[in-house]
Every structure is written in structure tokens, then in C-alpha cells.
Protein backbone atom coordinates (compact mmCIF):
# COMPACT_ATOMS: atom_id res chain seq x y z
CA MET A 1 125.02 101.04 73.90
CA TRP A 2 122.73 102.45 76.62
CA GLY A 3 118.92 101.64 75.64
CA GLN A 4 119.99 99.13 72.93
CA GLY A 5 117.21 96.36 73.00
CA LYS A 6 114.15 98.24 75.20
CA LYS A 7 110.83 99.10 74.14
CA ALA A 8 111.61 103.12 74.83
CA THR A 9 114.20 103.36 71.84
CA SER A 10 112.00 101.32 69.39
CA ALA A 11 111.07 104.80 68.04
CA LYS A 12 112.99 105.69 64.76
CA ILE A 13 115.53 108.23 65.14
CA GLY A 14 114.06 110.54 62.84
CA THR A 15 116.00 113.89 63.57
CA LEU A 16 119.64 114.23 64.32
CA ILE A 17 121.05 117.38 65.35
CA GLY A 18 124.90 117.23 64.86
CA GLN A 19 127.62 118.11 67.00
CA ASP A 20 128.75 121.30 65.59
CA THR A 21 124.96 122.45 65.49
CA GLU A 22 123.38 124.88 68.18
CA ILE A 23 119.65 125.77 68.10
CA VAL A 24 118.61 128.67 69.62
CA GLY A 25 114.71 128.37 70.32
CA ASP A 26 112.25 125.27 71.14
CA VAL A 27 112.34 122.28 69.25
CA ARG A 28 108.97 119.94 69.30
CA PHE A 29 109.30 116.57 67.40
CA SER A 30 107.37 113.42 67.47
CA GLY A 31 109.03 110.01 66.98
CA GLY A 32 112.80 110.28 68.13
CA LEU A 33 115.44 113.17 68.46
CA HIS A 34 119.13 112.35 68.68
CA ILE A 35 121.29 115.24 69.98
CA ASP A 36 124.67 115.28 69.59
CA GLY A 37 125.09 119.29 69.53
CA SER A 38 123.33 122.02 71.66
CA VAL A 39 120.00 123.13 72.49
CA LYS A 40 118.95 126.61 74.16
CA GLY A 41 115.38 126.03 74.43
CA ASN A 42 112.94 123.87 75.61
CA VAL A 43 112.82 120.12 74.15
CA ILE A 44 109.35 119.15 73.96
CA GLY A 45 107.94 115.18 72.77
CA THR A 46 104.74 114.48 71.63
CA GLY A 47 103.34 110.90 71.29
CA GLU A 48 103.79 108.52 74.21
CA ASP A 49 106.45 106.70 72.31
CA ALA A 50 108.57 110.04 71.64
CA VAL A 51 112.32 109.15 72.44
CA LEU A 52 115.14 112.09 73.05
CA MET A 53 118.81 110.84 73.18
CA VAL A 54 121.29 113.28 74.17
CA SER A 55 124.96 111.69 73.74
CA GLU A 56 127.97 112.57 76.08
CA HIS A 57 128.59 115.90 73.23
CA GLY A 58 125.02 117.04 73.57
CA ARG A 59 124.24 120.01 75.85
CA ILE A 60 120.54 121.26 76.45
CA GLU A 61 119.66 124.58 78.22
CA GLY A 62 115.98 124.41 79.08
CA GLU A 63 113.07 121.87 80.04
CA VAL A 64 112.94 118.67 78.77
CA ARG A 65 109.35 117.85 78.66
CA VAL A 66 109.57 114.23 76.72
CA PRO A 67 108.12 110.68 77.68
CA ASN A 68 111.31 108.35 77.11
CA VAL A 69 114.64 109.97 77.64
CA ILE A 70 118.56 108.50 77.36
CA LEU A 71 120.49 110.82 78.70
CA ASN A 72 124.32 111.03 78.58
CA GLY A 73 124.93 114.65 77.91
CA ALA A 74 124.14 117.64 80.28
CA VAL A 75 120.72 119.45 80.95
CA SER A 76 120.38 122.56 82.46
CA GLY A 77 116.60 122.55 83.34
CA ASP A 78 114.11 120.48 84.64
CA VAL A 79 113.46 117.41 82.94
CA HIS A 80 110.12 115.22 82.60
CA ALA A 81 109.82 111.92 81.45
CA SER A 82 106.28 110.18 81.87
CA GLY A 83 107.53 107.08 80.33
CA ARG A 84 111.38 106.31 81.14
CA ILE A 85 114.50 108.11 81.83
CA GLU A 86 117.90 106.29 81.58
CA LEU A 87 120.59 108.39 83.24
CA ALA A 88 123.83 107.32 81.64
CA PRO A 89 127.41 107.38 83.28
CA GLN A 90 128.27 110.81 82.01
CA ALA A 91 124.50 112.61 82.42
CA LYS A 92 124.31 115.53 84.20
CA VAL A 93 121.37 117.15 85.23
CA ASN A 94 120.96 120.86 86.88
CA GLY A 95 117.57 120.71 87.76
CA ASN A 96 114.94 118.36 88.83
CA VAL A 97 113.80 115.06 87.74
CA TYR A 98 110.13 114.09 87.05
CA TYR A 99 110.12 110.20 86.39
CA SER A 100 107.76 107.42 86.13
CA LEU A 101 110.62 104.68 85.72
CA ILE A 102 114.19 105.48 85.99
CA GLU A 103 117.87 103.87 85.64
CA MET A 104 120.23 105.65 86.84
CA ALA A 105 124.19 104.46 85.90
CA MET A 106 127.25 104.94 88.37
CA GLY A 107 128.64 108.64 87.50
CA ALA A 108 125.27 110.11 86.20
CA ALA A 109 124.78 113.44 88.64
CA VAL A 110 121.62 115.21 89.30
CA ASN A 111 122.02 118.55 90.98
CA GLY A 112 118.13 119.04 92.23
CA SER A 113 115.33 116.72 92.94
CA LEU A 114 114.17 113.19 91.75
CA VAL A 115 110.29 113.36 91.89
CA HIS A 116 108.55 110.06 91.64
CA GLN A 117 105.28 110.63 89.70
CA ALA A 118 102.95 107.68 89.14
CA ALA A 119 101.67 106.21 85.58
CA VAL A 120 99.58 108.62 83.44
CA ALA A 121 95.93 107.50 84.42
CA ALA A 122 93.51 106.58 81.72
CA PRO A 123 91.15 109.37 80.81
CA GLY A 124 88.39 109.95 83.21
CA ALA A 125 90.31 108.76 86.01
CA GLN A 126 91.86 110.71 88.73
CA SER A 127 94.84 113.19 87.73
CA ARG A 128 98.70 112.27 88.48
CA LYS A 129 100.16 113.44 91.48
CA SER A 130 103.77 113.09 92.45
CA SER A 131 104.84 112.01 95.45
CA THR A 132 105.81 115.26 96.79
CA GLU A 133 102.52 116.78 95.96
CA GLU A 134 100.71 113.92 97.94
CA VAL A 135 102.88 114.84 100.99
CA SER A 136 102.50 118.59 100.28
CA SER A 137 99.00 118.19 99.85
CA SER A 138 98.64 116.06 103.37
CA ILE A 139 100.65 118.71 105.71
CA ILE A 140 98.26 121.55 104.25
CA GLN A 141 94.86 119.61 104.86
CA GLY A 142 96.55 118.38 108.22
CA ASN A 143 96.35 115.20 107.22
CA SER A 144 98.36 112.37 108.53
């Protein structure tokens, strides 16, 4: 099973959205969320140990902002994973994937950009920038 024995999945799954369930609206959670059904809205995980697991039956139409994501279903929208993201063989993303650490299995598909972001800096340190932002910033400022 994907994610088995890895730190990102050590959070307890406290919420399950069943296969025959459709949620319309944003979902905010802490801890662990497992989606077998459908969410039409944004999915936001709070806390650095929050984990979202989307099964091969799960669907999300909206933006995902969760530190740790294990995806084997479909997402129509951008995915932001500040910790790690695992794209299992049936994962389909129609949108950009912003990640710090990524694992992608053969068969997974991303119809968008993969954007690496540096790890979150400690309080008081420089804000984090994605590699795309750094390149754009250099071009605009005329730096080489």
C-alpha cells in the first residue's frame, strides 16, 4: 500500500469521506483525511503533520493545500504540498503541483507544471521561494 510505514502517514486518519459521499464546499482538517468520495471545493490541512489520502475512487475539484499528500485519485486544481507528495499509479492532476519532496509512480499523470519549492524557513528567516519565482525574479531584474 502506498505510504505504508512512512513518516508522512503516521498521522491518524480522523476523517473519512466515503465512496458514495459528495461534499460541496471547502474542507478544512487537521490530522488525517481519507477521501474515497468527491469534494467540490478546496481541501486545506492545518498543522505540519496533516495528511491527505485520496484513493483511486476519490475526486477533488478545487485547490489542495496540505503538507503531506498521498494521491491515487483525481484532482482538478493546483496541489500545494509543503512536506511530501506521493503520486500513486492512478493519480491524475489537472493543475500545477507545488512540492518540497515528491515521489511519482509510473502511470501517474500531471497535466500542469511540477514546481519545486524549498523547505519552509524557520521564523525570522527569508521567506521561501519556488525555483520558478527565483528564475522569473532574475530575468525581471536583469541578473544572470
